[in-house]
Amino acid sequence: MCLAIPGKILEINPEKKTALVDFDGLKQEVIIALLQEPRVGNYVVVHAGYAIEQMNEEKAIEAIEQWKEIAKEQDLDLSDLI
């Protein structure tokens, strides 16, 4: 099962159309080709390795906290969900 998880863009590689995204400490390269004007510092929702939409910081942090709670309830680490 793939989940859509929010993360923060740390770096952008425009040639590859990818970004390094931070998921609460876990960093992963994702494809950003589906986004319009992605910027470092923006939060994005990532599904199956693709950033599928941008979201505001407040909602992203709230969603990350909810995912962390779900992971804790399931005795998992957030990295197990990504």
N, C-alpha and C. Protein backbone atom coordinates (compact mmCIF):
# COMPACT_ATOMS: atom_id res chain seq x y z
N MET A 1 0.85 -1.18 0.00
CA MET A 1 0.00 0.00 0.00
C MET A 1 0.89 1.23 0.00
N CYS A 2 0.55 2.18 -0.83
CA CYS A 2 1.26 3.45 -0.88
C CYS A 2 0.41 4.53 -0.23
N LEU A 3 1.05 5.37 0.53
CA LEU A 3 0.36 6.45 1.22
C LEU A 3 0.87 7.78 0.71
N ALA A 4 0.06 8.81 0.84
CA ALA A 4 0.48 10.17 0.49
C ALA A 4 0.92 10.85 1.78
N ILE A 5 2.19 11.20 1.85
CA ILE A 5 2.80 11.76 3.05
C ILE A 5 3.34 13.15 2.73
N PRO A 6 3.12 14.14 3.61
CA PRO A 6 3.68 15.47 3.37
C PRO A 6 5.15 15.55 3.81
N GLY A 7 5.89 16.38 3.09
CA GLY A 7 7.29 16.63 3.43
C GLY A 7 7.70 18.00 2.93
N LYS A 8 8.87 18.46 3.38
CA LYS A 8 9.36 19.80 3.05
C LYS A 8 10.49 19.71 2.04
N ILE A 9 10.41 20.51 0.98
CA ILE A 9 11.45 20.53 -0.04
C ILE A 9 12.70 21.20 0.53
N LEU A 10 13.83 20.48 0.46
CA LEU A 10 15.11 21.01 0.95
C LEU A 10 15.99 21.51 -0.20
N GLU A 11 15.99 20.77 -1.30
CA GLU A 11 16.81 21.10 -2.47
C GLU A 11 16.03 20.72 -3.72
N ILE A 12 16.31 21.45 -4.80
CA ILE A 12 15.68 21.14 -6.08
C ILE A 12 16.76 20.92 -7.13
N ASN A 13 16.59 19.87 -7.92
CA ASN A 13 17.45 19.61 -9.06
C ASN A 13 16.61 19.82 -10.32
N PRO A 14 16.67 21.04 -10.91
CA PRO A 14 15.79 21.34 -12.05
C PRO A 14 16.08 20.49 -13.29
N GLU A 15 17.32 20.05 -13.48
CA GLU A 15 17.64 19.24 -14.64
C GLU A 15 16.94 17.88 -14.59
N LYS A 16 16.91 17.28 -13.41
CA LYS A 16 16.27 15.97 -13.24
C LYS A 16 14.80 16.08 -12.85
N LYS A 17 14.34 17.31 -12.57
CA LYS A 17 12.97 17.54 -12.09
C LYS A 17 12.68 16.71 -10.83
N THR A 18 13.66 16.77 -9.91
CA THR A 18 13.52 16.09 -8.63
C THR A 18 13.82 17.07 -7.51
N ALA A 19 13.45 16.65 -6.31
CA ALA A 19 13.75 17.44 -5.12
C ALA A 19 14.10 16.51 -3.98
N LEU A 20 14.96 16.99 -3.10
CA LEU A 20 15.23 16.30 -1.86
C LEU A 20 14.19 16.79 -0.87
N VAL A 21 13.40 15.86 -0.34
CA VAL A 21 12.30 16.19 0.54
C VAL A 21 12.54 15.59 1.92
N ASP A 22 12.27 16.37 2.95
CA ASP A 22 12.44 15.94 4.34
C ASP A 22 11.09 15.53 4.90
N PHE A 23 10.98 14.27 5.28
CA PHE A 23 9.80 13.72 5.92
C PHE A 23 10.11 13.54 7.41
N ASP A 24 10.06 14.64 8.15
CA ASP A 24 10.32 14.60 9.59
C ASP A 24 11.64 13.90 9.92
N GLY A 25 12.69 14.25 9.20
CA GLY A 25 14.02 13.71 9.46
C GLY A 25 14.48 12.67 8.45
N LEU A 26 13.56 12.03 7.76
CA LEU A 26 13.91 11.08 6.72
C LEU A 26 13.92 11.83 5.39
N LYS A 27 15.06 11.82 4.72
CA LYS A 27 15.21 12.57 3.46
C LYS A 27 15.16 11.61 2.29
N GLN A 28 14.39 12.02 1.26
CA GLN A 28 14.23 11.17 0.08
C GLN A 28 14.11 12.04 -1.16
N GLU A 29 14.69 11.56 -2.25
CA GLU A 29 14.56 12.27 -3.53
C GLU A 29 13.23 11.87 -4.16
N VAL A 30 12.46 12.87 -4.60
CA VAL A 30 11.17 12.63 -5.22
C VAL A 30 11.07 13.40 -6.54
N ILE A 31 10.20 12.96 -7.40
CA ILE A 31 9.98 13.61 -8.69
C ILE A 31 9.00 14.76 -8.49
N ILE A 32 9.35 15.93 -9.03
CA ILE A 32 8.51 17.12 -8.86
C ILE A 32 7.93 17.60 -10.19
N ALA A 33 7.99 16.79 -11.22
CA ALA A 33 7.55 17.19 -12.56
C ALA A 33 6.07 17.55 -12.62
N LEU A 34 5.26 17.07 -11.68
CA LEU A 34 3.82 17.33 -11.69
C LEU A 34 3.45 18.66 -11.04
N LEU A 35 4.41 19.32 -10.41
CA LEU A 35 4.13 20.56 -9.67
C LEU A 35 4.41 21.79 -10.52
N GLN A 36 3.63 22.84 -10.26
CA GLN A 36 3.90 24.14 -10.86
C GLN A 36 4.69 24.97 -9.86
N GLU A 37 5.83 25.44 -10.27
CA GLU A 37 6.68 26.33 -9.47
C GLU A 37 7.00 25.81 -8.06
N PRO A 38 7.56 24.61 -7.95
CA PRO A 38 8.00 24.14 -6.63
C PRO A 38 9.17 24.99 -6.14
N ARG A 39 9.24 25.23 -4.85
CA ARG A 39 10.31 26.05 -4.27
C ARG A 39 10.84 25.39 -3.00
N VAL A 40 12.12 25.62 -2.75
CA VAL A 40 12.73 25.16 -1.50
C VAL A 40 11.94 25.80 -0.35
N GLY A 41 11.63 24.98 0.64
CA GLY A 41 10.87 25.44 1.79
C GLY A 41 9.39 25.13 1.71
N ASN A 42 8.89 24.84 0.50
CA ASN A 42 7.48 24.48 0.34
C ASN A 42 7.24 23.06 0.85
N TYR A 43 6.03 22.82 1.29
CA TYR A 43 5.61 21.48 1.67
C TYR A 43 4.85 20.86 0.51
N VAL A 44 5.08 19.57 0.30
CA VAL A 44 4.43 18.84 -0.77
C VAL A 44 3.88 17.52 -0.25
N VAL A 45 2.86 17.02 -0.92
CA VAL A 45 2.32 15.70 -0.64
C VAL A 45 2.95 14.75 -1.63
N VAL A 46 3.54 13.67 -1.14
CA VAL A 46 4.27 12.73 -1.99
C VAL A 46 3.56 11.37 -1.96
N HIS A 47 3.35 10.85 -3.15
CA HIS A 47 2.72 9.53 -3.30
C HIS A 47 3.52 8.74 -4.33
N ALA A 48 3.97 7.58 -3.95
CA ALA A 48 4.70 6.68 -4.85
C ALA A 48 5.90 7.35 -5.52
N GLY A 49 6.59 8.22 -4.77
CA GLY A 49 7.80 8.85 -5.28
C GLY A 49 7.57 10.13 -6.06
N TYR A 50 6.31 10.54 -6.21
CA TYR A 50 5.97 11.77 -6.93
C TYR A 50 5.36 12.79 -5.99
N ALA A 51 5.83 14.02 -6.06
CA ALA A 51 5.16 15.12 -5.36
C ALA A 51 3.93 15.44 -6.19
N ILE A 52 2.74 15.26 -5.60
CA ILE A 52 1.50 15.40 -6.37
C ILE A 52 0.78 16.72 -6.11
N GLU A 53 1.11 17.40 -5.02
CA GLU A 53 0.53 18.72 -4.78
C GLU A 53 1.32 19.44 -3.69
N GLN A 54 1.19 20.75 -3.68
CA GLN A 54 1.81 21.56 -2.64
C GLN A 54 0.75 21.88 -1.59
N MET A 55 1.18 22.06 -0.36
CA MET A 55 0.24 22.38 0.72
C MET A 55 0.87 23.40 1.66
N ASN A 56 0.03 24.09 2.43
CA ASN A 56 0.58 25.09 3.33
C ASN A 56 1.24 24.42 4.54
N GLU A 57 2.14 25.15 5.15
CA GLU A 57 2.96 24.61 6.24
C GLU A 57 2.12 24.13 7.42
N GLU A 58 1.11 24.89 7.80
CA GLU A 58 0.29 24.52 8.96
C GLU A 58 -0.39 23.17 8.76
N LYS A 59 -1.01 22.99 7.61
CA LYS A 59 -1.69 21.72 7.33
C LYS A 59 -0.70 20.57 7.18
N ALA A 60 0.47 20.86 6.62
CA ALA A 60 1.49 19.83 6.46
C ALA A 60 1.99 19.34 7.81
N ILE A 61 2.28 20.27 8.71
CA ILE A 61 2.77 19.88 10.04
C ILE A 61 1.71 19.11 10.79
N GLU A 62 0.47 19.53 10.67
CA GLU A 62 -0.64 18.82 11.32
C GLU A 62 -0.74 17.39 10.78
N ALA A 63 -0.64 17.23 9.47
CA ALA A 63 -0.71 15.91 8.85
C ALA A 63 0.48 15.04 9.27
N ILE A 64 1.67 15.61 9.33
CA ILE A 64 2.85 14.85 9.76
C ILE A 64 2.65 14.34 11.19
N GLU A 65 2.14 15.19 12.06
CA GLU A 65 1.88 14.76 13.45
C GLU A 65 0.86 13.63 13.49
N GLN A 66 -0.16 13.69 12.64
CA GLN A 66 -1.15 12.62 12.60
C GLN A 66 -0.53 11.32 12.11
N TRP A 67 0.33 11.41 11.09
CA TRP A 67 1.00 10.20 10.60
C TRP A 67 1.92 9.61 11.66
N LYS A 68 2.60 10.47 12.41
CA LYS A 68 3.47 9.98 13.49
C LYS A 68 2.65 9.27 14.55
N GLU A 69 1.48 9.79 14.86
CA GLU A 69 0.60 9.16 15.85
C GLU A 69 0.12 7.79 15.35
N ILE A 70 -0.27 7.72 14.09
CA ILE A 70 -0.69 6.45 13.50
C ILE A 70 0.45 5.44 13.54
N ALA A 71 1.64 5.88 13.18
CA ALA A 71 2.80 4.99 13.20
C ALA A 71 3.06 4.48 14.62
N LYS A 72 2.96 5.37 15.59
CA LYS A 72 3.19 4.98 16.99
C LYS A 72 2.16 3.95 17.44
N GLU A 73 0.89 4.17 17.09
CA GLU A 73 -0.17 3.24 17.46
C GLU A 73 0.06 1.86 16.85
N GLN A 74 0.67 1.83 15.68
CA GLN A 74 0.93 0.57 14.98
C GLN A 74 2.32 0.00 15.31
N ASP A 75 3.01 0.64 16.27
CA ASP A 75 4.36 0.25 16.66
C ASP A 75 5.31 0.27 15.47
N LEU A 76 5.19 1.34 14.66
CA LEU A 76 6.03 1.54 13.49
C LEU A 76 6.77 2.87 13.62
N ASP A 77 7.75 3.06 12.82
CA ASP A 77 8.43 4.34 12.68
C ASP A 77 7.81 5.03 11.47
N LEU A 78 7.84 6.37 11.45
CA LEU A 78 7.30 7.10 10.30
C LEU A 78 7.95 6.63 9.00
N SER A 79 9.22 6.26 9.07
CA SER A 79 9.92 5.79 7.85
C SER A 79 9.32 4.49 7.32
N ASP A 80 8.63 3.73 8.15
CA ASP A 80 7.97 2.51 7.69
C ASP A 80 6.78 2.81 6.79
N LEU A 81 6.24 4.02 6.92
CA LEU A 81 5.07 4.41 6.13
C LEU A 81 5.41 5.06 4.82
N ILE A 82 6.66 5.48 4.67
CA ILE A 82 7.06 6.19 3.46
C ILE A 82 7.57 5.23 2.41
